[in-house]
Protein backbone atom coordinates (compact mmCIF):
# COMPACT_ATOMS: atom_id res chain seq x y z
CA MET A 1 210.03 96.91 150.90
CA THR A 2 210.23 94.08 148.00
CA GLN A 3 211.40 90.77 148.80
CA LYS A 4 213.41 89.06 146.55
CA THR A 5 212.98 85.41 145.06
CA GLY A 6 216.61 84.92 143.10
CA SER A 7 216.60 87.73 140.46
CA MET A 8 212.96 88.21 140.25
CA ARG A 9 210.82 90.43 142.38
CA THR A 10 207.96 88.63 144.61
CA GLU A 11 205.30 90.35 142.55
CA GLU A 12 206.63 89.05 139.30
CA PHE A 13 207.12 85.80 140.47
CA ILE A 14 203.46 85.59 141.57
CA GLN A 15 202.53 87.03 138.21
CA ALA A 16 204.55 84.44 136.48
CA ALA A 17 202.88 81.48 138.36
CA LYS A 18 199.44 82.62 137.57
CA HIS A 19 199.39 82.75 133.66
CA THR A 20 199.54 79.85 131.32
CA HIS A 21 202.81 79.77 129.61
CA GLU A 22 203.15 80.16 125.82
CA TRP A 23 206.49 78.34 124.90
CA GLY A 24 208.75 79.03 122.29
CA ILE A 25 211.61 76.88 121.06
CA GLU A 26 214.92 78.86 121.35
CA SER A 27 216.93 75.85 120.28
CA SER A 28 217.25 72.25 119.73
CA HIS A 29 219.74 69.37 119.15
CA SER A 30 219.62 65.85 118.93
CA THR A 31 221.51 63.57 121.40
CA SER A 32 221.64 59.57 121.72
CA ALA A 33 218.57 59.94 123.93
CA GLY A 34 216.38 61.76 121.55
CA GLN A 35 215.85 65.81 120.76
CA VAL A 36 216.63 67.97 123.58
CA GLU A 37 214.77 71.37 123.20
CA TYR A 38 215.37 74.82 125.22
CA LEU A 39 211.79 76.68 125.49
CA ARG A 40 211.22 80.04 126.75
CA CYS A 41 208.11 81.30 127.53
CA LEU A 42 206.89 84.14 125.53
CA VAL A 43 204.87 85.89 128.31
CA CYS A 44 207.37 85.76 131.24
CA ALA A 45 210.59 84.54 130.10
CA SER A 46 210.60 81.43 132.28
CA ARG A 47 213.00 78.58 130.83
CA ARG A 48 212.36 74.98 130.70
CA VAL A 49 214.28 71.94 128.81
CA GLU A 50 212.51 68.85 127.19
CA LEU A 51 213.64 65.59 126.17
CA LYS A 52 211.90 64.00 123.41
CA THR A 53 212.89 60.49 123.21
CA THR A 54 213.32 58.41 120.12
CA ALA A 55 210.10 56.59 120.78
CA GLU A 56 207.88 59.82 121.19
CA GLN A 57 209.49 61.20 118.03
CA ALA A 58 208.54 58.03 116.29
CA VAL A 59 204.86 58.72 117.30
CA LEU A 60 204.93 62.05 116.48
CA GLN A 61 205.99 61.32 113.01
CA SER A 62 204.08 58.52 112.23
CA ARG A 63 200.57 58.86 110.29
CA ALA A 64 197.95 56.65 109.08
CA MET A 65 198.55 55.44 105.58
CA GLY A 66 195.37 53.38 105.12
CA GLY A 67 192.92 51.14 106.65
CA TRP A 68 191.60 47.76 106.53
CA ASN A 69 188.27 47.71 104.58
């Protein structure tokens, strides 16, 4: 007999926990706190939500423009 863990069978749950997730963005939108991204694993279909704050976005979008000689 197979036990259930929510809507996922026990074997599926164990397999999902064993792999490295390959996250893909399903959707995203801007909020006053930053950019919210809704992610889904391309392997097991697990989902997660990330918030990238304005400060993180500024760092991600910055690049070196030159240097001191």
